[in-house]
């Protein structure tokens, strides 16, 4: 019996995808709303929100690939 048999890969893939989508949405909406409400954001806030968008895209793409395809095959 494998050590990883107790992992729920579909749940991990879905959770990672939805966390990625949430990061992307918060980063995108934060930039839009922050610019409209405050007229402009400081550089560190723009960088933080942009990084959230990039991390959200990466997590949303790679989580299903890793937990939906690679991990079950490696096991």
N, C-alpha and C. Protein backbone atom coordinates (compact mmCIF):
# COMPACT_ATOMS: atom_id res chain seq x y z
N UNK A 1 0.84 -1.17 0.00
CA UNK A 1 0.00 0.00 0.00
C UNK A 1 0.89 1.24 0.00
N UNK A 2 0.53 2.20 -0.78
CA UNK A 2 1.32 3.41 -0.95
C UNK A 2 1.10 4.38 0.21
N UNK A 3 2.12 5.17 0.46
CA UNK A 3 2.06 6.18 1.51
C UNK A 3 1.07 7.28 1.13
N UNK A 4 0.90 7.55 -0.15
CA UNK A 4 0.07 8.64 -0.62
C UNK A 4 -1.36 8.21 -0.95
N UNK A 5 -1.74 7.01 -0.62
CA UNK A 5 -3.05 6.49 -0.99
C UNK A 5 -4.19 7.27 -0.32
N UNK A 6 -3.93 7.94 0.77
CA UNK A 6 -4.98 8.67 1.47
C UNK A 6 -5.21 10.07 0.90
N UNK A 7 -4.43 10.49 -0.07
CA UNK A 7 -4.60 11.83 -0.65
C UNK A 7 -5.83 11.86 -1.55
N UNK A 8 -6.56 12.95 -1.46
CA UNK A 8 -7.74 13.14 -2.30
C UNK A 8 -7.35 14.11 -3.42
N UNK A 9 -6.81 13.57 -4.49
CA UNK A 9 -6.27 14.41 -5.57
C UNK A 9 -7.32 15.27 -6.26
N UNK A 10 -8.52 14.77 -6.54
CA UNK A 10 -9.51 15.66 -7.16
C UNK A 10 -9.86 16.86 -6.28
N UNK A 11 -9.95 16.64 -4.98
CA UNK A 11 -10.25 17.75 -4.08
C UNK A 11 -9.10 18.75 -4.05
N UNK A 12 -7.86 18.26 -4.02
CA UNK A 12 -6.71 19.15 -4.04
C UNK A 12 -6.65 19.96 -5.34
N UNK A 13 -6.96 19.32 -6.45
CA UNK A 13 -6.94 20.01 -7.74
C UNK A 13 -8.01 21.11 -7.78
N UNK A 14 -9.21 20.80 -7.33
CA UNK A 14 -10.29 21.79 -7.33
C UNK A 14 -10.01 22.93 -6.38
N UNK A 15 -9.52 22.60 -5.19
CA UNK A 15 -9.22 23.63 -4.20
C UNK A 15 -8.12 24.57 -4.70
N UNK A 16 -7.06 24.00 -5.27
CA UNK A 16 -5.99 24.83 -5.81
C UNK A 16 -6.46 25.72 -6.93
N UNK A 17 -7.32 25.17 -7.80
CA UNK A 17 -7.86 25.97 -8.91
C UNK A 17 -8.68 27.14 -8.38
N UNK A 18 -9.56 26.87 -7.42
CA UNK A 18 -10.42 27.94 -6.91
C UNK A 18 -9.65 28.97 -6.09
N UNK A 19 -8.60 28.57 -5.42
CA UNK A 19 -7.74 29.54 -4.74
C UNK A 19 -7.05 30.42 -5.77
N UNK A 20 -6.61 29.82 -6.87
CA UNK A 20 -6.00 30.60 -7.95
C UNK A 20 -6.97 31.59 -8.56
N UNK A 21 -8.18 31.16 -8.81
CA UNK A 21 -9.20 32.06 -9.37
C UNK A 21 -9.50 33.19 -8.39
N UNK A 22 -9.56 32.86 -7.11
CA UNK A 22 -9.82 33.89 -6.10
C UNK A 22 -8.69 34.91 -6.04
N UNK A 23 -7.45 34.43 -6.07
CA UNK A 23 -6.32 35.36 -6.06
C UNK A 23 -6.35 36.27 -7.28
N UNK A 24 -6.63 35.69 -8.44
CA UNK A 24 -6.70 36.49 -9.66
C UNK A 24 -7.81 37.53 -9.58
N UNK A 25 -8.98 37.13 -9.10
CA UNK A 25 -10.11 38.05 -9.02
C UNK A 25 -9.85 39.17 -8.01
N UNK A 26 -9.30 38.82 -6.86
CA UNK A 26 -9.01 39.85 -5.84
C UNK A 26 -7.96 40.82 -6.35
N UNK A 27 -6.92 40.31 -7.01
CA UNK A 27 -5.89 41.18 -7.55
C UNK A 27 -6.42 42.10 -8.63
N UNK A 28 -7.21 41.55 -9.56
CA UNK A 28 -7.77 42.36 -10.64
C UNK A 28 -8.77 43.38 -10.15
N UNK A 29 -9.69 42.94 -9.31
CA UNK A 29 -10.68 43.89 -8.78
C UNK A 29 -10.05 44.91 -7.86
N UNK A 30 -9.02 44.51 -7.13
CA UNK A 30 -8.33 45.46 -6.26
C UNK A 30 -7.67 46.57 -7.04
N UNK A 31 -7.08 46.24 -8.17
CA UNK A 31 -6.47 47.28 -9.01
C UNK A 31 -7.53 48.21 -9.59
N UNK A 32 -8.61 47.63 -10.07
CA UNK A 32 -9.66 48.45 -10.69
C UNK A 32 -10.35 49.33 -9.64
N UNK A 33 -10.80 48.72 -8.57
CA UNK A 33 -11.53 49.47 -7.53
C UNK A 33 -10.61 50.47 -6.83
N UNK A 34 -9.38 50.04 -6.56
CA UNK A 34 -8.44 50.96 -5.91
C UNK A 34 -8.14 52.18 -6.75
N UNK A 35 -8.01 52.00 -8.05
CA UNK A 35 -7.75 53.14 -8.93
C UNK A 35 -8.95 54.07 -9.04
N UNK A 36 -10.15 53.48 -9.06
CA UNK A 36 -11.36 54.29 -9.18
C UNK A 36 -11.65 55.03 -7.87
N UNK A 37 -11.55 54.34 -6.76
CA UNK A 37 -11.93 54.95 -5.47
C UNK A 37 -10.87 55.93 -4.98
N UNK A 38 -9.61 55.54 -5.05
CA UNK A 38 -8.55 56.37 -4.48
C UNK A 38 -7.82 57.20 -5.52
N UNK A 39 -8.13 57.03 -6.79
CA UNK A 39 -7.50 57.83 -7.83
C UNK A 39 -6.11 57.36 -8.18
N UNK A 40 -5.61 56.41 -7.54
CA UNK A 40 -4.27 55.88 -7.80
C UNK A 40 -3.76 55.17 -6.56
N UNK A 41 -3.01 54.13 -6.78
CA UNK A 41 -2.49 53.35 -5.66
C UNK A 41 -0.98 53.54 -5.57
N UNK A 42 -0.42 53.42 -4.37
CA UNK A 42 1.03 53.45 -4.24
C UNK A 42 1.66 52.28 -4.98
N UNK A 43 2.93 52.41 -5.28
CA UNK A 43 3.63 51.40 -6.05
C UNK A 43 3.62 50.03 -5.40
N UNK A 44 3.77 49.97 -4.07
CA UNK A 44 3.81 48.66 -3.42
C UNK A 44 2.47 47.96 -3.50
N UNK A 45 1.36 48.71 -3.47
CA UNK A 45 0.04 48.09 -3.58
C UNK A 45 -0.21 47.58 -5.00
N UNK A 46 0.22 48.34 -5.99
CA UNK A 46 0.08 47.89 -7.37
C UNK A 46 0.90 46.63 -7.61
N UNK A 47 2.09 46.59 -7.05
CA UNK A 47 2.94 45.41 -7.18
C UNK A 47 2.31 44.21 -6.49
N UNK A 48 1.77 44.41 -5.30
CA UNK A 48 1.13 43.33 -4.56
C UNK A 48 -0.07 42.77 -5.32
N UNK A 49 -0.91 43.65 -5.85
CA UNK A 49 -2.09 43.20 -6.58
C UNK A 49 -1.72 42.52 -7.89
N UNK A 50 -0.70 43.03 -8.57
CA UNK A 50 -0.23 42.39 -9.80
C UNK A 50 0.35 41.01 -9.50
N UNK A 51 1.11 40.90 -8.43
CA UNK A 51 1.66 39.60 -8.04
C UNK A 51 0.56 38.61 -7.68
N UNK A 52 -0.51 39.10 -7.07
CA UNK A 52 -1.65 38.23 -6.77
C UNK A 52 -2.28 37.69 -8.05
N UNK A 53 -2.39 38.55 -9.07
CA UNK A 53 -2.93 38.11 -10.35
C UNK A 53 -2.05 37.04 -10.99
N UNK A 54 -0.75 37.28 -11.01
CA UNK A 54 0.17 36.33 -11.64
C UNK A 54 0.18 35.01 -10.87
N UNK A 55 0.23 35.08 -9.55
CA UNK A 55 0.21 33.87 -8.74
C UNK A 55 -1.11 33.12 -8.90
N UNK A 56 -2.20 33.86 -9.02
CA UNK A 56 -3.50 33.23 -9.23
C UNK A 56 -3.58 32.48 -10.55
N UNK A 57 -3.03 33.07 -11.60
CA UNK A 57 -3.01 32.39 -12.90
C UNK A 57 -2.14 31.15 -12.83
N UNK A 58 -0.96 31.27 -12.25
CA UNK A 58 -0.06 30.12 -12.16
C UNK A 58 -0.67 29.00 -11.32
N UNK A 59 -1.25 29.35 -10.19
CA UNK A 59 -1.85 28.34 -9.32
C UNK A 59 -3.08 27.71 -9.98
N UNK A 60 -3.88 28.52 -10.66
CA UNK A 60 -5.06 28.01 -11.33
C UNK A 60 -4.72 27.07 -12.48
N UNK A 61 -3.59 27.27 -13.12
CA UNK A 61 -3.20 26.40 -14.24
C UNK A 61 -2.44 25.17 -13.77
N UNK A 62 -1.53 25.34 -12.84
CA UNK A 62 -0.66 24.23 -12.46
C UNK A 62 -1.24 23.30 -11.41
N UNK A 63 -2.17 23.77 -10.60
CA UNK A 63 -2.75 22.91 -9.58
C UNK A 63 -3.52 21.73 -10.18
N UNK A 64 -4.42 21.95 -11.15
CA UNK A 64 -5.08 20.78 -11.76
C UNK A 64 -4.10 19.89 -12.52
N UNK A 65 -3.11 20.49 -13.15
CA UNK A 65 -2.13 19.70 -13.87
C UNK A 65 -1.33 18.82 -12.90
N UNK A 66 -0.92 19.40 -11.80
CA UNK A 66 -0.11 18.65 -10.83
C UNK A 66 -0.95 17.60 -10.10
N UNK A 67 -2.07 18.01 -9.52
CA UNK A 67 -2.86 17.10 -8.69
C UNK A 67 -3.85 16.26 -9.49
N UNK A 68 -4.17 16.67 -10.70
CA UNK A 68 -5.11 15.91 -11.50
C UNK A 68 -4.45 14.93 -12.46
N UNK A 69 -3.19 15.20 -12.86
CA UNK A 69 -2.54 14.37 -13.86
C UNK A 69 -1.25 13.75 -13.31
N UNK A 70 -0.33 14.58 -12.87
CA UNK A 70 1.01 14.11 -12.52
C UNK A 70 1.03 13.27 -11.24
N UNK A 71 0.45 13.79 -10.17
CA UNK A 71 0.52 13.08 -8.88
C UNK A 71 -0.13 11.69 -8.92
N UNK A 72 -1.32 11.55 -9.52
CA UNK A 72 -1.87 10.18 -9.58
C UNK A 72 -1.04 9.24 -10.44
N UNK A 73 -0.39 9.76 -11.49
CA UNK A 73 0.44 8.89 -12.33
C UNK A 73 1.72 8.49 -11.62
N UNK A 74 2.30 9.39 -10.84
CA UNK A 74 3.54 9.10 -10.13
C UNK A 74 3.27 8.08 -9.01
N UNK A 75 2.11 8.18 -8.41
CA UNK A 75 1.76 7.26 -7.33
C UNK A 75 1.68 5.88 -7.88
